Every structure is written in structure tokens, then in C-alpha cells.
Amino acid sequence: MTYDFLKNDDNRLCEGASEELLRYVESTVGMPIPRAWKEFLSFSNGAVLSDEIRLFPARRDPVPYDPEDDDPEEDLISANQDQDELQGLDEDVLIIGRYFDSDLFCYRRADAEKDDPPVYFFNHEEIELEKDSDNALEFLRKYNVRLRPENIRKEKRALFLKQTLAVIEVLLIVAGILALVTGLAWLFAFEKH
């Protein structure tokens, strides 16, 4: 999988994590990291997408885990060793990031051994997981800079223009066919007289 679409001025990417580091994280948190998320972490060991989504690195070096640390620059180990924010949730998850430094994105433990499982959003109000995206690539594309409101407006305008041109093209084809049929009708009518 390629994640080059994330390389832009609004996203902050990092150097990729090593396979050894990812194995260390899995053994420390006691849960596998889905293959697709490992691929992302190998591409960029954590990231900030459009100043809204903070995707945790495998491990923040050289700072060791400290349960009293409220620094938003947490990593997979610290986020998953201190899951106080998930109180009331009846299932285990692997926390992978935050939305605006509060709401969490995660994988369900039941899905963690799958290659590319859905990414979930932890709803604090309902104390439940809601499926955010069907897989890692969809999740990353969803929160990439292109989904900022001004870019969505540009995309909608471009799509509207494209659709308008397609409609005009169809109308021109229909008009051409009608003109041809009318011309042939006149020709046959003229030949009969």
C-alpha cells in the first residue's frame, strides 16, 4: 500500500518505525497491530493530519511511559497502558490516535489479528465504539487534507462543472441525432415529390 497521498504541507509525517520496534510495542501492549496499520507506521511512525487527527507513534523516544504525563504527544504504548478514558467500554481495543486531542480512534482486539480491519471511533457520550472506516486506507484518506471544507468546496465545484459538461455533451449528441433524423426525413420527403 502506498501512503504518498499524505505527503503535503498540512500533514506532519515522521520517519517510519522499524519492524523491531513494532514487535516491541505488540509485546508490551499485549495485542497485535493489524498488518495494514503496521505498514502505515513503517511509512510514518505517527502523524498529525490537518491539525485535527493525531496518530500515535509506536513509541516516543527517549521518554519512558509515565501514567501522570498529560502530554498530547503520547504513543501507542502509553495510550494503551492507561485506558482510563475508556471506562465503561466492555471490550478491549488498541488505541491508535485522537481526534482534536480528545476522542479516540482504535481497533477492536477481536479484529487485531486481521490484515486490514475496520477503524473505530470511541463515542464518549454513548460509551461505545462506532465504525469510522472500513480499513486503514479509507481512514487515512478520510482525514487527509483534501477533506478540509475549502477543498471539499473545490471538489464539489469541479464535480458540478464536470457533470454540467457531460450533460451538455449528451444534449449536443441528442441534438445532432435529431438534426440528422430530421434531415433524412426531409431528404426522403423531397425524393418522393
Protein backbone atom coordinates (compact mmCIF):
# COMPACT_ATOMS: atom_id res chain seq x y z
CA MET A 1 0.00 0.00 0.00
CA THR A 2 1.25 3.49 -0.73
CA TYR A 3 0.62 6.45 1.55
CA ASP A 4 2.28 9.12 -0.59
CA PHE A 5 -1.05 10.98 -0.81
CA LEU A 6 -0.42 12.04 2.82
CA LYS A 7 2.70 13.99 1.83
CA ASN A 8 1.50 17.60 1.79
CA ASP A 9 2.05 20.83 3.72
CA ASP A 10 -0.91 20.29 6.06
CA ASN A 11 0.16 16.87 7.33
CA ARG A 12 3.11 16.22 9.63
CA LEU A 13 4.70 12.84 8.96
CA CYS A 14 7.61 11.10 10.67
CA GLU A 15 10.33 8.66 9.75
CA GLY A 16 8.93 5.13 9.64
CA ALA A 17 9.13 2.69 12.56
CA SER A 18 11.33 -0.39 12.39
CA GLU A 19 9.90 -3.90 12.41
CA GLU A 20 11.76 -4.49 15.68
CA LEU A 21 10.07 -1.50 17.32
CA LEU A 22 6.64 -2.65 16.15
CA ARG A 23 7.23 -6.13 17.60
CA TYR A 24 8.31 -4.50 20.88
CA VAL A 25 5.09 -2.45 21.01
CA GLU A 26 2.96 -5.53 20.34
CA SER A 27 4.66 -7.47 23.14
CA THR A 28 4.39 -4.51 25.53
CA VAL A 29 0.70 -3.78 24.95
CA GLY A 30 -0.15 -7.48 24.67
CA MET A 31 -2.04 -7.11 21.40
CA PRO A 32 -1.10 -7.49 17.73
CA ILE A 33 -1.10 -4.44 15.49
CA PRO A 34 -3.10 -5.12 12.30
CA ARG A 35 -0.83 -5.61 9.26
CA ALA A 36 -2.21 -2.55 7.42
CA TRP A 37 -1.53 -0.29 10.43
CA LYS A 38 1.98 -1.71 10.74
CA GLU A 39 2.51 -0.75 7.09
CA PHE A 40 1.38 2.79 7.87
CA LEU A 41 3.67 3.00 10.93
CA SER A 42 6.56 1.71 8.77
CA PHE A 43 5.79 4.58 6.35
CA SER A 44 5.33 7.21 9.08
CA ASN A 45 5.79 6.43 12.76
CA GLY A 46 2.87 8.58 13.88
CA ALA A 47 1.47 11.65 12.15
CA VAL A 48 -0.69 14.74 12.53
CA LEU A 49 -3.25 15.07 9.75
CA SER A 50 -4.58 18.57 9.06
CA ASP A 51 -4.03 19.62 12.71
CA GLU A 52 -7.10 17.53 13.63
CA ILE A 53 -6.01 13.92 13.82
CA ARG A 54 -3.05 12.83 15.96
CA LEU A 55 -1.93 9.32 15.03
CA PHE A 56 0.29 7.90 17.72
CA PRO A 57 3.84 6.76 17.00
CA ALA A 58 4.81 3.25 18.08
CA ARG A 59 6.95 4.68 20.85
CA ARG A 60 8.00 8.18 21.80
CA ASP A 61 11.73 8.14 22.43
CA PRO A 62 13.51 8.53 24.72
CA VAL A 63 10.74 9.31 27.22
CA PRO A 64 9.57 6.22 29.14
CA TYR A 65 5.91 5.65 29.91
CA ASP A 66 4.63 7.84 32.75
CA PRO A 67 0.95 7.47 33.80
CA GLU A 68 0.96 11.06 35.13
CA ASP A 69 2.06 12.52 31.79
CA ASP A 70 -0.78 14.50 30.16
CA ASP A 71 1.34 15.40 27.14
CA PRO A 72 -0.79 15.01 23.96
CA GLU A 73 2.30 13.63 22.23
CA GLU A 74 1.54 10.16 23.60
CA ASP A 75 2.46 6.93 21.84
CA LEU A 76 0.86 3.52 21.31
CA ILE A 77 2.41 2.16 24.49
CA SER A 78 1.29 4.96 26.82
CA ALA A 79 -2.17 5.22 25.23
CA ASN A 80 -2.77 1.51 25.56
CA GLN A 81 -1.34 1.02 29.04
CA ASP A 82 -3.53 3.73 30.53
CA GLN A 83 -7.04 3.34 29.10
CA ASP A 84 -8.89 5.32 31.79
CA GLU A 85 -10.70 7.25 29.07
CA LEU A 86 -12.40 4.01 28.00
CA GLN A 87 -14.06 3.33 31.35
CA GLY A 88 -17.37 1.60 30.81
CA LEU A 89 -16.40 0.06 27.47
CA ASP A 90 -16.87 -3.71 27.65
CA GLU A 91 -14.28 -4.71 25.05
CA ASP A 92 -10.53 -4.38 24.63
CA VAL A 93 -9.19 -2.06 21.98
CA LEU A 94 -5.89 -0.90 20.52
CA ILE A 95 -5.93 2.92 20.62
CA ILE A 96 -4.16 4.36 17.55
CA GLY A 97 -4.92 8.09 17.72
CA ARG A 98 -7.01 11.05 18.80
CA TYR A 99 -9.36 13.49 17.15
CA PHE A 100 -8.73 17.06 18.44
CA ASP A 101 -6.81 15.70 21.46
CA SER A 102 -9.91 14.14 22.99
CA ASP A 103 -11.91 11.50 21.12
CA LEU A 104 -10.14 8.24 20.30
CA PHE A 105 -9.63 6.08 17.22
CA CYS A 106 -8.93 2.41 17.73
CA TYR A 107 -9.06 -1.18 16.54
CA ARG A 108 -11.10 -3.81 18.37
CA ARG A 109 -8.99 -6.54 19.97
CA ALA A 110 -11.23 -9.11 18.27
CA ASP A 111 -10.07 -7.70 14.90
CA ALA A 112 -6.41 -7.03 15.75
CA GLU A 113 -5.06 -10.18 14.08
CA LYS A 114 -6.82 -9.41 10.80
CA ASP A 115 -4.83 -7.86 7.97
CA ASP A 116 -6.92 -4.73 7.49
CA PRO A 117 -9.88 -4.49 9.90
CA PRO A 118 -12.22 -1.53 10.40
CA VAL A 119 -11.11 1.52 12.38
CA TYR A 120 -13.47 2.56 15.19
CA PHE A 121 -14.28 5.86 16.89
CA PHE A 122 -14.89 5.77 20.64
CA ASN A 123 -18.09 7.67 21.41
CA HIS A 124 -17.62 9.10 24.93
CA GLU A 125 -21.27 10.01 25.35
CA GLU A 126 -22.66 6.58 24.47
CA ILE A 127 -19.59 4.69 25.78
CA GLU A 128 -19.47 2.58 22.66
CA LEU A 129 -17.43 2.03 19.54
CA GLU A 130 -18.76 3.31 16.23
CA LYS A 131 -17.23 2.13 12.96
CA ASP A 132 -15.42 5.08 11.41
CA SER A 133 -13.85 3.46 8.34
CA ASP A 134 -13.78 0.03 6.72
CA ASN A 135 -9.97 -0.15 6.67
CA ALA A 136 -6.75 1.79 7.27
CA LEU A 137 -6.51 3.30 3.80
CA GLU A 138 -10.10 4.55 3.89
CA PHE A 139 -9.45 6.01 7.36
CA LEU A 140 -6.30 7.86 6.23
CA ARG A 141 -7.93 9.13 3.05
CA LYS A 142 -10.96 10.32 5.01
CA TYR A 143 -8.89 12.55 7.27
CA ASN A 144 -6.35 13.67 4.71
CA VAL A 145 -6.10 17.40 3.95
CA ARG A 146 -8.24 17.07 0.83
CA LEU A 147 -11.28 16.74 3.10
CA ARG A 148 -10.92 20.20 4.57
CA PRO A 149 -14.05 22.31 3.91
CA GLU A 150 -12.38 24.60 1.35
CA ASN A 151 -11.06 21.60 -0.58
CA ILE A 152 -14.44 19.87 -0.47
CA ARG A 153 -16.00 23.00 -1.97
CA LYS A 154 -13.39 22.97 -4.76
CA GLU A 155 -14.04 19.29 -5.40
CA LYS A 156 -17.81 19.87 -5.46
CA ARG A 157 -17.40 22.76 -7.93
CA ALA A 158 -15.15 20.64 -10.14
CA LEU A 159 -17.62 17.75 -10.00
CA PHE A 160 -20.53 20.09 -10.81
CA LEU A 161 -18.63 21.51 -13.78
CA LYS A 162 -17.73 18.01 -14.98
CA GLN A 163 -21.37 16.86 -14.66
CA THR A 164 -22.63 20.00 -16.41
CA LEU A 165 -20.24 19.44 -19.31
CA ALA A 166 -21.33 15.80 -19.52
CA VAL A 167 -25.00 16.87 -19.70
CA ILE A 168 -24.19 19.45 -22.40
CA GLU A 169 -22.29 16.80 -24.34
CA VAL A 170 -25.28 14.41 -24.17
CA LEU A 171 -27.63 17.22 -25.23
CA LEU A 172 -25.37 18.05 -28.20
CA ILE A 173 -25.31 14.40 -29.23
CA VAL A 174 -29.11 14.18 -28.97
CA ALA A 175 -29.47 17.44 -30.91
CA GLY A 176 -27.10 16.07 -33.58
CA ILE A 177 -29.09 12.86 -33.86
CA LEU A 178 -32.37 14.81 -34.11
CA ALA A 179 -30.87 17.05 -36.78
CA LEU A 180 -29.69 14.00 -38.72
CA VAL A 181 -33.08 12.27 -38.44
CA THR A 182 -34.87 15.48 -39.45
CA GLY A 183 -32.50 15.95 -42.39
CA LEU A 184 -33.05 12.35 -43.54
CA ALA A 185 -36.82 12.78 -43.19
CA TRP A 186 -36.70 15.91 -45.35
CA LEU A 187 -34.48 14.13 -47.86
CA PHE A 188 -36.89 11.17 -48.16
CA ALA A 189 -39.86 13.55 -48.36
CA PHE A 190 -38.12 15.57 -51.10
CA GLU A 191 -37.29 12.42 -53.11
CA LYS A 192 -40.95 11.29 -53.05
CA HIS A 193 -42.08 14.53 -54.65
